[in-house]
Amino acid sequence: IFFMSVSEVGTMALKDEEVDRQMQQMAAFILKEARDKAKEITIKADDDFQRELAKNVQEQRQKYLQEHEKRKKNWETKKRIAYSHELNQSPHQDLGGSRRCIEGCN
């Protein structure tokens, strides 16, 4: 049987308390490091999200402006065609009126 003196038991109790304290410190350190890393990851993810969102908004804005420009050009083309048809029809109408006048005058 193993017997220890009172001083040895007291020293062993101090060692156990010291071990517990060190383990608590290590656990607290590991937990702090994990929280810090989680915070870094969250910040990076938020930054990446904001960057991607800004990129998508810019792309959609560019698509909208291109579509707007395309529609504007189509509208201008249709307007020019309509104006051209109007100009082309105008002399024919005048000629028709002139013919009626000539035919009516005879």
PDB file of N, CA and C in Angstrom:
ATOM      1  N   ILE A   1       0.850  -1.169   0.000  1.00  0.00           N
ATOM      2  CA  ILE A   1       0.000   0.000   0.000  1.00  0.00           C
ATOM      3  C   ILE A   1       0.894   1.230   0.000  1.00  0.00           C
ATOM      4  N   PHE A   2       0.384   2.192  -0.728  1.00  0.00           N
ATOM      5  CA  PHE A   2       1.136   3.420  -0.892  1.00  0.00           C
ATOM      6  C   PHE A   2       0.634   4.457   0.095  1.00  0.00           C
ATOM      7  N   PHE A   3       1.500   5.016   0.862  1.00  0.00           N
ATOM      8  CA  PHE A   3       1.132   6.048   1.838  1.00  0.00           C
ATOM      9  C   PHE A   3       1.871   7.330   1.504  1.00  0.00           C
ATOM     10  N   MET A   4       1.116   8.443   1.666  1.00  0.00           N
ATOM     11  CA  MET A   4       1.733   9.743   1.411  1.00  0.00           C
ATOM     12  C   MET A   4       1.650  10.569   2.694  1.00  0.00           C
ATOM     13  N   SER A   5       2.615  11.414   2.799  1.00  0.00           N
ATOM     14  CA  SER A   5       2.599  12.297   3.969  1.00  0.00           C
ATOM     15  C   SER A   5       1.628  13.443   3.707  1.00  0.00           C
ATOM     16  N   VAL A   6       1.297  14.157   4.731  1.00  0.00           N
ATOM     17  CA  VAL A   6       0.359  15.284   4.640  1.00  0.00           C
ATOM     18  C   VAL A   6       0.922  16.340   3.709  1.00  0.00           C
ATOM     19  N   SER A   7       2.181  16.594   3.746  1.00  0.00           N
ATOM     20  CA  SER A   7       2.777  17.615   2.877  1.00  0.00           C
ATOM     21  C   SER A   7       2.724  17.174   1.411  1.00  0.00           C
ATOM     22  N   GLU A   8       2.877  15.872   1.200  1.00  0.00           N
ATOM     23  CA  GLU A   8       2.797  15.372  -0.182  1.00  0.00           C
ATOM     24  C   GLU A   8       1.367  15.486  -0.715  1.00  0.00           C
ATOM     25  N   VAL A   9       0.373  15.223   0.115  1.00  0.00           N
ATOM     26  CA  VAL A   9      -1.032  15.348  -0.286  1.00  0.00           C
ATOM     27  C   VAL A   9      -1.324  16.810  -0.593  1.00  0.00           C
ATOM     28  N   GLY A  10      -0.851  17.707   0.191  1.00  0.00           N
ATOM     29  CA  GLY A  10      -1.051  19.142  -0.043  1.00  0.00           C
ATOM     30  C   GLY A  10      -0.402  19.592  -1.331  1.00  0.00           C
ATOM     31  N   THR A  11       0.792  19.098  -1.601  1.00  0.00           N
ATOM     32  CA  THR A  11       1.497  19.439  -2.837  1.00  0.00           C
ATOM     33  C   THR A  11       0.751  18.882  -4.037  1.00  0.00           C
ATOM     34  N   MET A  12       0.226  17.682  -3.920  1.00  0.00           N
ATOM     35  CA  MET A  12      -0.525  17.056  -5.003  1.00  0.00           C
ATOM     36  C   MET A  12      -1.813  17.838  -5.277  1.00  0.00           C
ATOM     37  N   ALA A  13      -2.464  18.335  -4.235  1.00  0.00           N
ATOM     38  CA  ALA A  13      -3.683  19.122  -4.402  1.00  0.00           C
ATOM     39  C   ALA A  13      -3.357  20.421  -5.130  1.00  0.00           C
ATOM     40  N   LEU A  14      -2.227  21.024  -4.808  1.00  0.00           N
ATOM     41  CA  LEU A  14      -1.815  22.240  -5.506  1.00  0.00           C
ATOM     42  C   LEU A  14      -1.527  21.936  -6.968  1.00  0.00           C
ATOM     43  N   LYS A  15      -0.911  20.817  -7.239  1.00  0.00           N
ATOM     44  CA  LYS A  15      -0.623  20.438  -8.621  1.00  0.00           C
ATOM     45  C   LYS A  15      -1.923  20.219  -9.386  1.00  0.00           C
ATOM     46  N   ASP A  16      -2.892  19.576  -8.758  1.00  0.00           N
ATOM     47  CA  ASP A  16      -4.183  19.355  -9.420  1.00  0.00           C
ATOM     48  C   ASP A  16      -4.873  20.686  -9.705  1.00  0.00           C
ATOM     49  N   GLU A  17      -4.814  21.598  -8.739  1.00  0.00           N
ATOM     50  CA  GLU A  17      -5.426  22.912  -8.945  1.00  0.00           C
ATOM     51  C   GLU A  17      -4.706  23.669 -10.064  1.00  0.00           C
ATOM     52  N   GLU A  18      -3.389  23.546 -10.085  1.00  0.00           N
ATOM     53  CA  GLU A  18      -2.595  24.208 -11.132  1.00  0.00           C
ATOM     54  C   GLU A  18      -2.922  23.618 -12.503  1.00  0.00           C
ATOM     55  N   VAL A  19      -3.055  22.320 -12.566  1.00  0.00           N
ATOM     56  CA  VAL A  19      -3.410  21.658 -13.826  1.00  0.00           C
ATOM     57  C   VAL A  19      -4.795  22.118 -14.278  1.00  0.00           C
ATOM     58  N   ASP A  20      -5.751  22.163 -13.359  1.00  0.00           N
ATOM     59  CA  ASP A  20      -7.100  22.627 -13.708  1.00  0.00           C
ATOM     60  C   ASP A  20      -7.067  24.074 -14.203  1.00  0.00           C
ATOM     61  N   ARG A  21      -6.303  24.915 -13.532  1.00  0.00           N
ATOM     62  CA  ARG A  21      -6.207  26.316 -13.937  1.00  0.00           C
ATOM     63  C   ARG A  21      -5.583  26.444 -15.325  1.00  0.00           C
ATOM     64  N   GLN A  22      -4.543  25.703 -15.586  1.00  0.00           N
ATOM     65  CA  GLN A  22      -3.902  25.741 -16.897  1.00  0.00           C
ATOM     66  C   GLN A  22      -4.835  25.214 -17.986  1.00  0.00           C
ATOM     67  N   MET A  23      -5.582  24.176 -17.670  1.00  0.00           N
ATOM     68  CA  MET A  23      -6.530  23.636 -18.645  1.00  0.00           C
ATOM     69  C   MET A  23      -7.629  24.657 -18.952  1.00  0.00           C
ATOM     70  N   GLN A  24      -8.087  25.352 -17.924  1.00  0.00           N
ATOM     71  CA  GLN A  24      -9.101  26.387 -18.138  1.00  0.00           C
ATOM     72  C   GLN A  24      -8.539  27.528 -18.991  1.00  0.00           C
ATOM     73  N   GLN A  25      -7.277  27.888 -18.715  1.00  0.00           N
ATOM     74  CA  GLN A  25      -6.639  28.934 -19.520  1.00  0.00           C
ATOM     75  C   GLN A  25      -6.499  28.493 -20.974  1.00  0.00           C
ATOM     76  N   MET A  26      -6.094  27.249 -21.174  1.00  0.00           N
ATOM     77  CA  MET A  26      -5.945  26.733 -22.542  1.00  0.00           C
ATOM     78  C   MET A  26      -7.297  26.680 -23.245  1.00  0.00           C
ATOM     79  N   ALA A  27      -8.313  26.222 -22.535  1.00  0.00           N
ATOM     80  CA  ALA A  27      -9.651  26.157 -23.128  1.00  0.00           C
ATOM     81  C   ALA A  27     -10.144  27.565 -23.472  1.00  0.00           C
ATOM     82  N   ALA A  28      -9.904  28.528 -22.591  1.00  0.00           N
ATOM     83  CA  ALA A  28     -10.312  29.910 -22.848  1.00  0.00           C
ATOM     84  C   ALA A  28      -9.551  30.469 -24.058  1.00  0.00           C
ATOM     85  N   PHE A  29      -8.259  30.162 -24.156  1.00  0.00           N
ATOM     86  CA  PHE A  29      -7.449  30.615 -25.287  1.00  0.00           C
ATOM     87  C   PHE A  29      -7.971  30.025 -26.600  1.00  0.00           C
ATOM     88  N   ILE A  30      -8.223  28.717 -26.590  1.00  0.00           N
ATOM     89  CA  ILE A  30      -8.728  28.045 -27.795  1.00  0.00           C
ATOM     90  C   ILE A  30     -10.087  28.622 -28.192  1.00  0.00           C
ATOM     91  N   LEU A  31     -10.951  28.857 -27.233  1.00  0.00           N
ATOM     92  CA  LEU A  31     -12.270  29.429 -27.505  1.00  0.00           C
ATOM     93  C   LEU A  31     -12.140  30.845 -28.079  1.00  0.00           C
ATOM     94  N   LYS A  32     -11.224  31.644 -27.511  1.00  0.00           N
ATOM     95  CA  LYS A  32     -10.998  33.000 -28.026  1.00  0.00           C
ATOM     96  C   LYS A  32     -10.487  32.943 -29.457  1.00  0.00           C
ATOM     97  N   GLU A  33      -9.535  32.067 -29.724  1.00  0.00           N
ATOM     98  CA  GLU A  33      -9.003  31.922 -31.084  1.00  0.00           C
ATOM     99  C   GLU A  33     -10.097  31.498 -32.066  1.00  0.00           C
ATOM    100  N   ALA A  34     -10.953  30.587 -31.651  1.00  0.00           N
ATOM    101  CA  ALA A  34     -12.050  30.124 -32.508  1.00  0.00           C
ATOM    102  C   ALA A  34     -13.021  31.261 -32.798  1.00  0.00           C
ATOM    103  N   ARG A  35     -13.328  32.071 -31.781  1.00  0.00           N
ATOM    104  CA  ARG A  35     -14.232  33.216 -31.982  1.00  0.00           C
ATOM    105  C   ARG A  35     -13.604  34.245 -32.921  1.00  0.00           C
ATOM    106  N   ASP A  36     -12.299  34.502 -32.724  1.00  0.00           N
ATOM    107  CA  ASP A  36     -11.601  35.449 -33.594  1.00  0.00           C
ATOM    108  C   ASP A  36     -11.609  34.964 -35.047  1.00  0.00           C
ATOM    109  N   LYS A  37     -11.348  33.686 -35.235  1.00  0.00           N
ATOM    110  CA  LYS A  37     -11.332  33.114 -36.587  1.00  0.00           C
ATOM    111  C   LYS A  37     -12.729  33.174 -37.209  1.00  0.00           C
ATOM    112  N   ALA A  38     -13.743  32.864 -36.412  1.00  0.00           N
ATOM    113  CA  ALA A  38     -15.121  32.936 -36.908  1.00  0.00           C
ATOM    114  C   ALA A  38     -15.461  34.367 -37.322  1.00  0.00           C
ATOM    115  N   LYS A  39     -14.989  35.337 -36.529  1.00  0.00           N
ATOM    116  CA  LYS A  39     -15.235  36.746 -36.853  1.00  0.00           C
ATOM    117  C   LYS A  39     -14.539  37.130 -38.161  1.00  0.00           C
ATOM    118  N   GLU A  40     -13.294  36.682 -38.345  1.00  0.00           N
ATOM    119  CA  GLU A  40     -12.561  36.940 -39.584  1.00  0.00           C
ATOM    120  C   GLU A  40     -13.295  36.350 -40.786  1.00  0.00           C
ATOM    121  N   ILE A  41     -13.761  35.124 -40.634  1.00  0.00           N
ATOM    122  CA  ILE A  41     -14.475  34.452 -41.722  1.00  0.00           C
ATOM    123  C   ILE A  41     -15.760  35.206 -42.056  1.00  0.00           C
ATOM    124  N   THR A  42     -16.472  35.634 -41.035  1.00  0.00           N
ATOM    125  CA  THR A  42     -17.722  36.383 -41.247  1.00  0.00           C
ATOM    126  C   THR A  42     -17.453  37.702 -41.959  1.00  0.00           C
ATOM    127  N   ILE A  43     -16.420  38.412 -41.540  1.00  0.00           N
ATOM    128  CA  ILE A  43     -16.076  39.687 -42.166  1.00  0.00           C
ATOM    129  C   ILE A  43     -15.695  39.471 -43.630  1.00  0.00           C
ATOM    130  N   LYS A  44     -14.882  38.453 -43.891  1.00  0.00           N
ATOM    131  CA  LYS A  44     -14.471  38.159 -45.265  1.00  0.00           C
ATOM    132  C   LYS A  44     -15.679  37.767 -46.116  1.00  0.00           C
ATOM    133  N   ALA A  45     -16.560  36.954 -45.559  1.00  0.00           N
ATOM    134  CA  ALA A  45     -17.763  36.549 -46.296  1.00  0.00           C
ATOM    135  C   ALA A  45     -18.637  37.758 -46.602  1.00  0.00           C
ATOM    136  N   ASP A  46     -18.794  38.657 -45.632  1.00  0.00           N
ATOM    137  CA  ASP A  46     -19.581  39.876 -45.860  1.00  0.00           C
ATOM    138  C   ASP A  46     -18.944  40.746 -46.942  1.00  0.00           C
ATOM    139  N   ASP A  47     -17.625  40.894 -46.893  1.00  0.00           N
ATOM    140  CA  ASP A  47     -16.919  41.675 -47.912  1.00  0.00           C
ATOM    141  C   ASP A  47     -17.099  41.046 -49.298  1.00  0.00           C
ATOM    142  N   ASP A  48     -16.932  39.733 -49.364  1.00  0.00           N
ATOM    143  CA  ASP A  48     -17.107  39.030 -50.642  1.00  0.00           C
ATOM    144  C   ASP A  48     -18.525  39.203 -51.165  1.00  0.00           C
ATOM    145  N   PHE A  49     -19.509  39.105 -50.265  1.00  0.00           N
ATOM    146  CA  PHE A  49     -20.905  39.268 -50.661  1.00  0.00           C
ATOM    147  C   PHE A  49     -21.148  40.671 -51.206  1.00  0.00           C
ATOM    148  N   GLN A  50     -20.659  41.689 -50.491  1.00  0.00           N
ATOM    149  CA  GLN A  50     -20.854  43.072 -50.933  1.00  0.00           C
ATOM    150  C   GLN A  50     -20.172  43.320 -52.279  1.00  0.00           C
ATOM    151  N   ARG A  51     -18.986  42.762 -52.454  1.00  0.00           N
ATOM    152  CA  ARG A  51     -18.254  42.913 -53.715  1.00  0.00           C
ATOM    153  C   ARG A  51     -19.033  42.254 -54.857  1.00  0.00           C
ATOM    154  N   GLU A  52     -19.531  41.041 -54.624  1.00  0.00           N
ATOM    155  CA  GLU A  52     -20.300  40.315 -55.639  1.00  0.00           C
ATOM    156  C   GLU A  52     -21.617  41.030 -55.936  1.00  0.00           C
ATOM    157  N   LEU A  53     -22.254  41.551 -54.901  1.00  0.00           N
ATOM    158  CA  LEU A  53     -23.501  42.286 -55.086  1.00  0.00           C
ATOM    159  C   LEU A  53     -23.267  43.530 -55.940  1.00  0.00           C
ATOM    160  N   ALA A  54     -22.219  44.278 -55.635  1.00  0.00           N
ATOM    161  CA  ALA A  54     -21.897  45.476 -56.413  1.00  0.00           C
ATOM    162  C   ALA A  54     -21.607  45.112 -57.864  1.00  0.00           C
ATOM    163  N   LYS A  55     -20.902  44.015 -58.070  1.00  0.00           N
ATOM    164  CA  LYS A  55     -20.596  43.555 -59.429  1.00  0.00           C
ATOM    165  C   LYS A  55     -21.887  43.213 -60.172  1.00  0.00           C
ATOM    166  N   ASN A  56     -22.785  42.484 -59.511  1.00  0.00           N
ATOM    167  CA  ASN A  56     -24.053  42.101 -60.146  1.00  0.00           C
ATOM    168  C   ASN A  56     -24.913  43.320 -60.454  1.00  0.00           C
ATOM    169  N   VAL A  57     -24.946  44.271 -59.530  1.00  0.00           N
ATOM    170  CA  VAL A  57     -25.715  45.498 -59.760  1.00  0.00           C
ATOM    171  C   VAL A  57     -25.148  46.246 -60.963  1.00  0.00           C
ATOM    172  N   GLN A  58     -23.835  46.343 -61.041  1.00  0.00           N
ATOM    173  CA  GLN A  58     -23.194  47.033 -62.166  1.00  0.00           C
ATOM    174  C   GLN A  58     -23.495  46.318 -63.484  1.00  0.00           C
ATOM    175  N   GLU A  59     -23.443  44.985 -63.481  1.00  0.00           N
ATOM    176  CA  GLU A  59     -23.749  44.223 -64.693  1.00  0.00           C
ATOM    177  C   GLU A  59     -25.197  44.433 -65.124  1.00  0.00           C
ATOM    178  N   GLN A  60     -26.108  44.388 -64.170  1.00  0.00           N
ATOM    179  CA  GLN A  60     -27.522  44.590 -64.495  1.00  0.00           C
ATOM    180  C   GLN A  60     -27.772  46.022 -64.976  1.00  0.00           C
ATOM    181  N   ARG A  61     -27.094  46.978 -64.385  1.00  0.00           N
ATOM    182  CA  ARG A  61     -27.224  48.374 -64.814  1.00  0.00           C
ATOM    183  C   ARG A  61     -26.732  48.517 -66.250  1.00  0.00           C
ATOM    184  N   GLN A  62     -25.610  47.887 -66.549  1.00  0.00           N
ATOM    185  CA  GLN A  62     -25.046  47.949 -67.898  1.00  0.00           C
ATOM    186  C   GLN A  62     -25.999  47.301 -68.907  1.00  0.00           C
ATOM    187  N   LYS A  63     -26.584  46.152 -68.545  1.00  0.00           N
ATOM    188  CA  LYS A  63     -27.557  45.495 -69.425  1.00  0.00           C
ATOM    189  C   LYS A  63     -28.765  46.394 -69.660  1.00  0.00           C
ATOM    190  N   TYR A  64     -29.241  47.033 -68.603  1.00  0.00           N
ATOM    191  CA  TYR A  64     -30.389  47.929 -68.724  1.00  0.00           C
ATOM    192  C   TYR A  64     -30.064  49.083 -69.667  1.00  0.00           C
ATOM    193  N   LEU A  65     -28.882  49.697 -69.485  1.00  0.00           N
ATOM    194  CA  LEU A  65     -28.500  50.823 -70.340  1.00  0.00           C
ATOM    195  C   LEU A  65     -28.359  50.392 -71.798  1.00  0.00           C
ATOM    196  N   GLN A  66     -27.807  49.196 -72.025  1.00  0.00           N
ATOM    197  CA  GLN A  66     -27.681  48.687 -73.386  1.00  0.00           C
ATOM    198  C   GLN A  66     -29.056  48.447 -74.004  1.00  0.00           C
ATOM    199  N   GLU A  67     -29.955  47.851 -73.237  1.00  0.00           N
ATOM    200  CA  GLU A  67     -31.310  47.594 -73.726  1.00  0.00           C
ATOM    201  C   GLU A  67     -32.026  48.920 -74.009  1.00  0.00           C
ATOM    202  N   HIS A  68     -31.841  49.886 -73.119  1.00  0.00           N
ATOM    203  CA  HIS A  68     -32.453  51.201 -73.320  1.00  0.00           C
ATOM    204  C   HIS A  68     -31.920  51.840 -74.605  1.00  0.00           C
ATOM    205  N   GLU A  69     -30.622  51.772 -74.802  1.00  0.00           N
ATOM    206  CA  GLU A  69     -30.008  52.349 -76.000  1.00  0.00           C
ATOM    207  C   GLU A  69     -30.516  51.643 -77.262  1.00  0.00           C
ATOM    208  N   LYS A  70     -30.648  50.341 -77.196  1.00  0.00           N
ATOM    209  CA  LYS A  70     -31.158  49.565 -78.335  1.00  0.00           C
ATOM    210  C   LYS A  70     -32.595  49.979 -78.666  1.00  0.00           C
ATOM    211  N   ARG A  71     -33.430  50.101 -77.659  1.00  0.00           N
ATOM    212  CA  ARG A  71     -34.818  50.515 -77.879  1.00  0.00           C
ATOM    213  C   ARG A  71     -34.894  51.942 -78.413  1.00  0.00           C
ATOM    214  N   LYS A  72     -34.024  52.798 -77.909  1.00  0.00           N
ATOM    215  CA  LYS A  72     -33.998  54.185 -78.371  1.00  0.00           C
ATOM    216  C   LYS A  72     -33.631  54.231 -79.856  1.00  0.00           C
ATOM    217  N   LYS A  73     -32.625  53.446 -80.251  1.00  0.00           N
ATOM    218  CA  LYS A  73     -32.221  53.415 -81.656  1.00  0.00           C
ATOM    219  C   LYS A  73     -33.336  52.857 -82.531  1.00  0.00           C
ATOM    220  N   ASN A  74     -34.003  51.801 -82.057  1.00  0.00           N
ATOM    221  CA  ASN A  74     -35.131  51.241 -82.811  1.00  0.00           C
ATOM    222  C   ASN A  74     -36.244  52.273 -82.976  1.00  0.00           C
ATOM    223  N   TRP A  75     -36.534  52.999 -81.909  1.00  0.00           N
ATOM    224  CA  TRP A  75     -37.580  54.020 -81.975  1.00  0.00           C
ATOM    225  C   TRP A  75     -37.190  55.121 -82.961  1.00  0.00           C
ATOM    226  N   GLU A  76     -35.921  55.567 -82.902  1.00  0.00           N
ATOM    227  CA  GLU A  76     -35.454  56.597 -83.820  1.00  0.00           C
ATOM    228  C   GLU A  76     -35.516  56.115 -85.267  1.00  0.00           C
ATOM    229  N   THR A  77     -35.166  54.855 -85.505  1.00  0.00           N
ATOM    230  CA  THR A  77     -35.228  54.283 -86.848  1.00  0.00           C
ATOM    231  C   THR A  77     -36.666  54.255 -87.349  1.00  0.00           C
ATOM    232  N   LYS A  78     -37.578  53.793 -86.514  1.00  0.00           N
ATOM    233  CA  LYS A  78     -38.996  53.770 -86.901  1.00  0.00           C
ATOM    234  C   LYS A  78     -39.506  55.181 -87.180  1.00  0.00           C
ATOM    235  N   LYS A  79     -39.082  56.125 -86.381  1.00  0.00           N
ATOM    236  CA  LYS A  79     -39.493  57.513 -86.566  1.00  0.00           C
ATOM    237  C   LYS A  79     -38.983  58.040 -87.913  1.00  0.00           C
ATOM    238  N   ARG A  80     -37.725  57.739 -88.247  1.00  0.00           N
ATOM    239  CA  ARG A  80     -37.154  58.174 -89.528  1.00  0.00           C
ATOM    240  C   ARG A  80     -37.866  57.508 -90.707  1.00  0.00           C
ATOM    241  N   ILE A  81     -38.167  56.224 -90.561  1.00  0.00           N
ATOM    242  CA  ILE A  81     -38.880  55.505 -91.627  1.00  0.00           C
ATOM    243  C   ILE A  81     -40.261  56.121 -91.829  1.00  0.00           C
ATOM    244  N   ALA A  82     -40.958  56.386 -90.742  1.00  0.00           N
ATOM    245  CA  ALA A  82     -42.287  56.994 -90.849  1.00  0.00           C
ATOM    246  C   ALA A  82     -42.189  58.371 -91.494  1.00  0.00           C
ATOM    247  N   TYR A  83     -41.202  59.140 -91.125  1.00  0.00           N
ATOM    248  CA  TYR A  83     -41.016  60.467 -91.706  1.00  0.00           C
ATOM    249  C   TYR A  83     -40.688  60.351 -93.186  1.00  0.00           C
ATOM    250  N   SER A  84     -39.844  59.391 -93.526  1.00  0.00           N
ATOM    251  CA  SER A  84     -39.482  59.167 -94.926  1.00  0.00           C
ATOM    252  C   SER A  84     -40.709  58.779 -95.740  1.00  0.00           C
ATOM    253  N   HIS A  85     -41.548  57.883 -95.199  1.00  0.00           N
ATOM    254  CA  HIS A  85     -42.780  57.496 -95.888  1.00  0.00           C
ATOM    255  C   HIS A  85     -43.681  58.704 -96.070  1.00  0.00           C
ATOM    256  N   GLU A  86     -43.728  59.536 -95.057  1.00  0.00           N
ATOM    257  CA  GLU A  86     -44.559  60.733 -95.124  1.00  0.00           C
ATOM    258  C   GLU A  86     -44.063  61.666 -96.233  1.00  0.00           C
ATOM    259  N   LEU A  87     -42.741  61.834 -96.301  1.00  0.00           N
ATOM    260  CA  LEU A  87     -42.170  62.683 -97.355  1.00  0.00           C
ATOM    261  C   LEU A  87     -42.406  62.079 -98.734  1.00  0.00           C
ATOM    262  N   ASN A  88     -42.279  60.753 -98.835  1.00  0.00           N
ATOM    263  CA  ASN A  88     -42.479  60.082-100.123  1.00  0.00           C
ATOM    264  C   ASN A  88     -43.930  60.154-100.564  1.00  0.00           C
ATOM    265  N   GLN A  89     -44.851  60.118 -99.657  1.00  0.00           N
ATOM    266  CA  GLN A  89     -46.274  60.175 -99.983  1.00  0.00           C
ATOM    267  C   GLN A  89     -46.700  61.588-100.356  1.00  0.00           C
ATOM    268  N   SER A  90     -46.074  62.567 -99.797  1.00  0.00           N
ATOM    269  CA  SER A  90     -46.463  63.957 -99.985  1.00  0.00           C
ATOM    270  C   SER A  90     -46.406  64.388-101.453  1.00  0.00           C
ATOM    271  N   PRO A  91     -45.338  64.126-102.202  1.00  0.00           N
ATOM    272  CA  PRO A  91     -45.313  64.546-103.607  1.00  0.00           C
ATOM    273  C   PRO A  91     -46.376  63.819-104.440  1.00  0.00           C
ATOM    274  N   HIS A  92     -46.634  62.554-104.127  1.00  0.00           N
ATOM    275  CA  HIS A  92     -47.636  61.803-104.879  1.00  0.00           C
ATOM    276  C   HIS A  92     -49.019  62.393-104.647  1.00  0.00           C
ATOM    277  N   GLN A  93     -49.274  62.816-103.460  1.00  0.00           N
ATOM    278  CA  GLN A  93     -50.575  63.416-103.176  1.00  0.00           C
ATOM    279  C   GLN A  93     -50.707  64.737-103.914  1.00  0.00           C
ATOM    280  N   ASP A  94     -49.618  65.510-103.961  1.00  0.00           N
ATOM    281  CA  ASP A  94     -49.649  66.784-104.678  1.00  0.00           C
ATOM    282  C   ASP A  94     -49.842  66.540-106.170  1.00  0.00           C
ATOM    283  N   LEU A  95     -49.169  65.506-106.697  1.00  0.00           N
ATOM    284  CA  LEU A  95     -49.323  65.194-108.111  1.00  0.00           C
ATOM    285  C   LEU A  95     -50.744  64.768-108.420  1.00  0.00           C
ATOM    286  N   GLY A  96     -51.316  64.002-107.550  1.00  0.00           N
ATOM    287  CA  GLY A  96     -52.704  63.582-107.751  1.00  0.00           C
ATOM    288  C   GLY A  96     -53.633  64.772-107.783  1.00  0.00           C
ATOM    289  N   GLY A  97     -53.432  65.714-106.897  1.00  0.00           N
ATOM    290  CA  GLY A  97     -54.224  66.927-106.862  1.00  0.00           C
ATOM    291  C   GLY A  97     -54.012  67.762-108.107  1.00  0.00           C
ATOM    292  N   SER A  98     -52.768  67.826-108.560  1.00  0.00           N
ATOM    293  CA  SER A  98     -52.464  68.592-109.764  1.00  0.00           C
ATOM    294  C   SER A  98     -53.128  67.944-110.980  1.00  0.00           C
ATOM    295  N   ARG A  99     -53.088  66.622-111.043  1.00  0.00           N
ATOM    296  CA  ARG A  99     -53.714  65.914-112.164  1.00  0.00           C
ATOM    297  C   ARG A  99     -55.214  66.189-112.187  1.00  0.00           C
ATOM    298  N   ARG A 100     -55.829  66.129-111.026  1.00  0.00           N
ATOM    299  CA  ARG A 100     -57.278  66.389-110.974  1.00  0.00           C
ATOM    300  C   ARG A 100     -57.588  67.807-111.443  1.00  0.00           C
ATOM    301  N   CYS A 101     -56.725  68.701-111.060  1.00  0.00           N
ATOM    302  CA  CYS A 101     -56.925  70.094-111.464  1.00  0.00           C
ATOM    303  C   CYS A 101     -56.767  70.232-112.988  1.00  0.00           C
ATOM    304  N   ILE A 102     -55.736  69.579-113.522  1.00  0.00           N
ATOM    305  CA  ILE A 102     -55.489  69.636-114.976  1.00  0.00           C
ATOM    306  C   ILE A 102     -56.635  68.959-115.721  1.00  0.00           C
ATOM    307  N   GLU A 103     -57.028  67.791-115.225  1.00  0.00           N
ATOM    308  CA  GLU A 103     -58.102  67.061-115.887  1.00  0.00           C
ATOM    309  C   GLU A 103     -59.421  67.819-115.745  1.00  0.00           C
ATOM    310  N   GLY A 104     -59.620  68.433-114.630  1.00  0.00           N
ATOM    311  CA  GLY A 104     -60.858  69.168-114.389  1.00  0.00           C
ATOM    312  C   GLY A 104     -60.912  70.463-115.160  1.00  0.00           C
ATOM    313  N   CYS A 105     -59.757  71.037-115.399  1.00  0.00           N
ATOM    314  CA  CYS A 105     -59.687  72.308-116.099  1.00  0.00           C
ATOM    315  C   CYS A 105     -59.930  72.133-117.589  1.00  0.00           C
ATOM    316  N   ASN A 106     -59.719  70.979-118.140  1.00  0.00           N
ATOM    317  CA  ASN A 106     -59.876  70.745-119.592  1.00  0.00           C
ATOM    318  C   ASN A 106     -61.282  70.595-119.959  1.00  0.00           C
TER     319      ASN A 106
END
